[in-house]
């Protein structure tokens, strides 16, 4: 199996990788592999699947109807 050595990695990036690896119960090396795989081989989602996900998300969100009159009133009251 090939090996890769990473040089000049910032401390901040290393600790971010380490933290993420711990959250996923992985080693830092395995976390790097997963990150590379996700970036280089992204999962392709069919438009129908994406639309179904969007519709499911919309169904969970309460509609928040705001009128132009409500916005004008808030501005008049000094709200940004």
N, C-alpha and C. Protein backbone atom coordinates (compact mmCIF):
# COMPACT_ATOMS: atom_id res chain seq x y z
N UNK A 1 0.85 -1.17 0.00
CA UNK A 1 0.00 0.00 0.00
C UNK A 1 0.90 1.24 0.00
N UNK A 2 0.61 2.21 -0.86
CA UNK A 2 1.43 3.42 -0.92
C UNK A 2 1.34 4.24 0.36
N UNK A 3 2.38 5.01 0.62
CA UNK A 3 2.45 5.87 1.79
C UNK A 3 2.67 7.31 1.34
N UNK A 4 2.04 8.24 2.03
CA UNK A 4 2.21 9.66 1.74
C UNK A 4 2.66 10.35 3.01
N UNK A 5 3.65 11.22 2.88
CA UNK A 5 4.11 12.03 4.00
C UNK A 5 3.70 13.47 3.74
N UNK A 6 3.08 14.08 4.71
CA UNK A 6 2.64 15.47 4.56
C UNK A 6 3.61 16.36 5.34
N UNK A 7 4.17 17.33 4.64
CA UNK A 7 5.09 18.27 5.30
C UNK A 7 4.47 19.66 5.31
N UNK A 8 4.98 20.50 6.19
CA UNK A 8 4.56 21.91 6.28
C UNK A 8 3.07 22.08 6.62
N UNK A 9 2.51 21.14 7.36
CA UNK A 9 1.13 21.27 7.80
C UNK A 9 1.09 22.19 9.02
N UNK A 10 0.15 23.12 9.01
CA UNK A 10 0.04 24.03 10.14
C UNK A 10 -0.45 23.27 11.37
N UNK A 11 -0.08 23.77 12.51
CA UNK A 11 -0.52 23.17 13.77
C UNK A 11 -2.04 23.23 13.87
N UNK A 12 -2.60 24.33 13.43
CA UNK A 12 -4.05 24.50 13.47
C UNK A 12 -4.75 23.42 12.64
N UNK A 13 -4.25 23.17 11.43
CA UNK A 13 -4.85 22.15 10.58
C UNK A 13 -4.70 20.77 11.21
N UNK A 14 -3.55 20.49 11.78
CA UNK A 14 -3.34 19.18 12.40
C UNK A 14 -4.33 18.96 13.54
N UNK A 15 -4.49 19.96 14.41
CA UNK A 15 -5.39 19.79 15.55
C UNK A 15 -6.85 19.71 15.09
N UNK A 16 -7.19 20.39 14.01
CA UNK A 16 -8.54 20.27 13.47
C UNK A 16 -8.78 18.85 12.95
N UNK A 17 -7.80 18.31 12.23
CA UNK A 17 -7.89 16.92 11.76
C UNK A 17 -7.99 15.96 12.94
N UNK A 18 -7.18 16.19 13.96
CA UNK A 18 -7.16 15.32 15.13
C UNK A 18 -8.52 15.34 15.84
N UNK A 19 -9.08 16.54 16.00
CA UNK A 19 -10.38 16.68 16.65
C UNK A 19 -11.48 15.98 15.85
N UNK A 20 -11.46 16.19 14.54
CA UNK A 20 -12.45 15.56 13.68
C UNK A 20 -12.30 14.05 13.70
N UNK A 21 -11.07 13.58 13.68
CA UNK A 21 -10.81 12.13 13.74
C UNK A 21 -11.37 11.54 15.03
N UNK A 22 -11.15 12.22 16.13
CA UNK A 22 -11.67 11.74 17.42
C UNK A 22 -13.19 11.68 17.41
N UNK A 23 -13.83 12.69 16.80
CA UNK A 23 -15.29 12.71 16.73
C UNK A 23 -15.83 11.55 15.91
N UNK A 24 -15.06 11.13 14.90
CA UNK A 24 -15.49 10.03 14.05
C UNK A 24 -14.89 8.68 14.48
N UNK A 25 -14.19 8.68 15.61
CA UNK A 25 -13.55 7.47 16.13
C UNK A 25 -12.59 6.86 15.10
N UNK A 26 -11.73 7.74 14.54
CA UNK A 26 -10.73 7.33 13.56
C UNK A 26 -9.36 7.82 13.98
N UNK A 27 -8.35 7.24 13.37
CA UNK A 27 -7.00 7.80 13.53
C UNK A 27 -6.88 9.01 12.63
N UNK A 28 -5.86 9.82 12.86
CA UNK A 28 -5.64 10.99 12.00
C UNK A 28 -5.39 10.53 10.57
N UNK A 29 -4.62 9.46 10.40
CA UNK A 29 -4.35 8.94 9.06
C UNK A 29 -5.64 8.54 8.35
N UNK A 30 -6.50 7.82 9.05
CA UNK A 30 -7.77 7.42 8.44
C UNK A 30 -8.66 8.61 8.13
N UNK A 31 -8.61 9.62 8.98
CA UNK A 31 -9.41 10.83 8.73
C UNK A 31 -8.91 11.54 7.47
N UNK A 32 -7.61 11.60 7.28
CA UNK A 32 -7.04 12.20 6.08
C UNK A 32 -7.50 11.43 4.84
N UNK A 33 -7.48 10.11 4.92
CA UNK A 33 -7.92 9.28 3.79
C UNK A 33 -9.38 9.55 3.46
N UNK A 34 -10.23 9.60 4.49
CA UNK A 34 -11.65 9.87 4.26
C UNK A 34 -11.84 11.25 3.63
N UNK A 35 -11.13 12.25 4.13
CA UNK A 35 -11.23 13.60 3.57
C UNK A 35 -10.81 13.62 2.10
N UNK A 36 -9.73 12.94 1.79
CA UNK A 36 -9.27 12.88 0.41
C UNK A 36 -10.27 12.14 -0.48
N UNK A 37 -10.80 11.03 0.00
CA UNK A 37 -11.78 10.28 -0.78
C UNK A 37 -13.03 11.11 -1.06
N UNK A 38 -13.51 11.82 -0.03
CA UNK A 38 -14.71 12.64 -0.21
C UNK A 38 -14.46 13.77 -1.20
N UNK A 39 -13.26 14.32 -1.18
CA UNK A 39 -12.92 15.42 -2.09
C UNK A 39 -12.66 14.94 -3.50
N UNK A 40 -11.95 13.83 -3.65
CA UNK A 40 -11.56 13.35 -4.96
C UNK A 40 -12.62 12.49 -5.64
N UNK A 41 -13.45 11.82 -4.84
CA UNK A 41 -14.49 10.95 -5.37
C UNK A 41 -15.84 11.32 -4.75
N UNK A 42 -16.35 12.50 -5.05
CA UNK A 42 -17.60 12.92 -4.41
C UNK A 42 -18.76 12.02 -4.82
N UNK A 43 -19.67 11.82 -3.88
CA UNK A 43 -20.85 11.02 -4.14
C UNK A 43 -21.78 11.82 -5.05
N UNK A 44 -22.15 11.22 -6.17
CA UNK A 44 -23.04 11.90 -7.11
C UNK A 44 -24.48 11.60 -6.73
N UNK A 45 -25.25 12.66 -6.57
CA UNK A 45 -26.64 12.53 -6.16
C UNK A 45 -27.52 12.82 -7.38
N UNK A 46 -28.46 11.94 -7.63
CA UNK A 46 -29.38 12.12 -8.74
C UNK A 46 -30.27 13.32 -8.44
N UNK A 47 -30.67 14.08 -9.46
CA UNK A 47 -31.55 15.23 -9.24
C UNK A 47 -32.83 14.86 -8.49
N UNK A 48 -33.36 13.68 -8.77
CA UNK A 48 -34.60 13.26 -8.09
C UNK A 48 -34.37 13.08 -6.59
N UNK A 49 -33.20 12.54 -6.23
CA UNK A 49 -32.87 12.35 -4.81
C UNK A 49 -32.68 13.69 -4.12
N UNK A 50 -31.99 14.61 -4.80
CA UNK A 50 -31.77 15.94 -4.23
C UNK A 50 -33.10 16.65 -4.02
N UNK A 51 -33.99 16.57 -5.02
CA UNK A 51 -35.30 17.20 -4.90
C UNK A 51 -36.10 16.60 -3.75
N UNK A 52 -36.04 15.29 -3.59
CA UNK A 52 -36.75 14.64 -2.49
C UNK A 52 -36.19 15.11 -1.15
N UNK A 53 -34.87 15.26 -1.05
CA UNK A 53 -34.25 15.76 0.19
C UNK A 53 -34.71 17.18 0.49
N UNK A 54 -34.75 18.02 -0.54
CA UNK A 54 -35.18 19.41 -0.37
C UNK A 54 -36.63 19.47 0.08
N UNK A 55 -37.48 18.67 -0.55
CA UNK A 55 -38.89 18.66 -0.18
C UNK A 55 -39.09 18.17 1.25
N UNK A 56 -38.32 17.17 1.66
CA UNK A 56 -38.42 16.67 3.03
C UNK A 56 -37.97 17.75 4.02
N UNK A 57 -36.93 18.47 3.68
CA UNK A 57 -36.45 19.55 4.55
C UNK A 57 -37.47 20.67 4.64
N UNK A 58 -38.04 21.04 3.52
CA UNK A 58 -39.07 22.09 3.52
C UNK A 58 -40.28 21.70 4.36
N UNK A 59 -40.62 20.43 4.35
CA UNK A 59 -41.77 19.97 5.13
C UNK A 59 -41.52 20.12 6.63
N UNK A 60 -40.25 20.07 7.04
CA UNK A 60 -39.90 20.20 8.46
C UNK A 60 -39.85 21.65 8.92
N UNK A 61 -39.70 22.58 7.97
CA UNK A 61 -39.52 23.99 8.31
C UNK A 61 -40.88 24.67 8.38
N UNK A 62 -41.10 25.41 9.47
CA UNK A 62 -42.32 26.19 9.58
C UNK A 62 -42.23 27.37 8.62
N UNK A 63 -43.33 27.66 7.97
CA UNK A 63 -43.31 28.82 7.08
C UNK A 63 -43.30 30.08 7.93
N UNK A 64 -42.51 31.01 7.52
CA UNK A 64 -42.37 32.27 8.25
C UNK A 64 -42.72 33.37 7.27
N UNK A 65 -44.00 33.69 7.22
CA UNK A 65 -44.49 34.64 6.25
C UNK A 65 -44.26 36.06 6.76
N UNK A 66 -43.52 36.84 5.98
CA UNK A 66 -43.24 38.22 6.33
C UNK A 66 -43.71 39.09 5.18
N UNK A 67 -44.51 40.11 5.52
CA UNK A 67 -45.01 41.02 4.50
C UNK A 67 -44.15 42.28 4.46
N UNK A 68 -44.27 43.02 3.38
CA UNK A 68 -43.53 44.28 3.28
C UNK A 68 -44.02 45.25 4.34
N UNK A 69 -45.29 45.18 4.71
CA UNK A 69 -45.83 46.04 5.76
C UNK A 69 -45.16 45.73 7.10
N UNK A 70 -44.92 44.46 7.39
CA UNK A 70 -44.26 44.08 8.64
C UNK A 70 -42.82 44.60 8.66
N UNK A 71 -42.16 44.55 7.53
CA UNK A 71 -40.78 45.06 7.44
C UNK A 71 -40.76 46.56 7.64
N UNK A 72 -41.68 47.26 6.98
CA UNK A 72 -41.75 48.73 7.14
C UNK A 72 -42.04 49.13 8.58
N UNK A 73 -42.90 48.38 9.25
CA UNK A 73 -43.21 48.65 10.65
C UNK A 73 -41.99 48.45 11.54
N UNK A 74 -41.23 47.39 11.29
CA UNK A 74 -40.02 47.11 12.08
C UNK A 74 -39.00 48.21 11.87
N UNK A 75 -38.85 48.69 10.65
CA UNK A 75 -37.91 49.78 10.36
C UNK A 75 -38.37 51.05 11.05
N UNK A 76 -39.67 51.32 11.01
CA UNK A 76 -40.22 52.51 11.65
C UNK A 76 -40.00 52.49 13.15
N UNK A 77 -39.99 51.30 13.73
CA UNK A 77 -39.76 51.15 15.17
C UNK A 77 -38.28 51.19 15.52
N UNK A 78 -37.44 51.30 14.50
CA UNK A 78 -36.01 51.43 14.75
C UNK A 78 -35.26 50.12 14.77
N UNK A 79 -35.92 49.04 14.37
CA UNK A 79 -35.22 47.75 14.31
C UNK A 79 -34.44 47.66 13.00
N UNK A 80 -33.24 47.12 13.04
CA UNK A 80 -32.44 47.01 11.81
C UNK A 80 -33.01 45.98 10.85
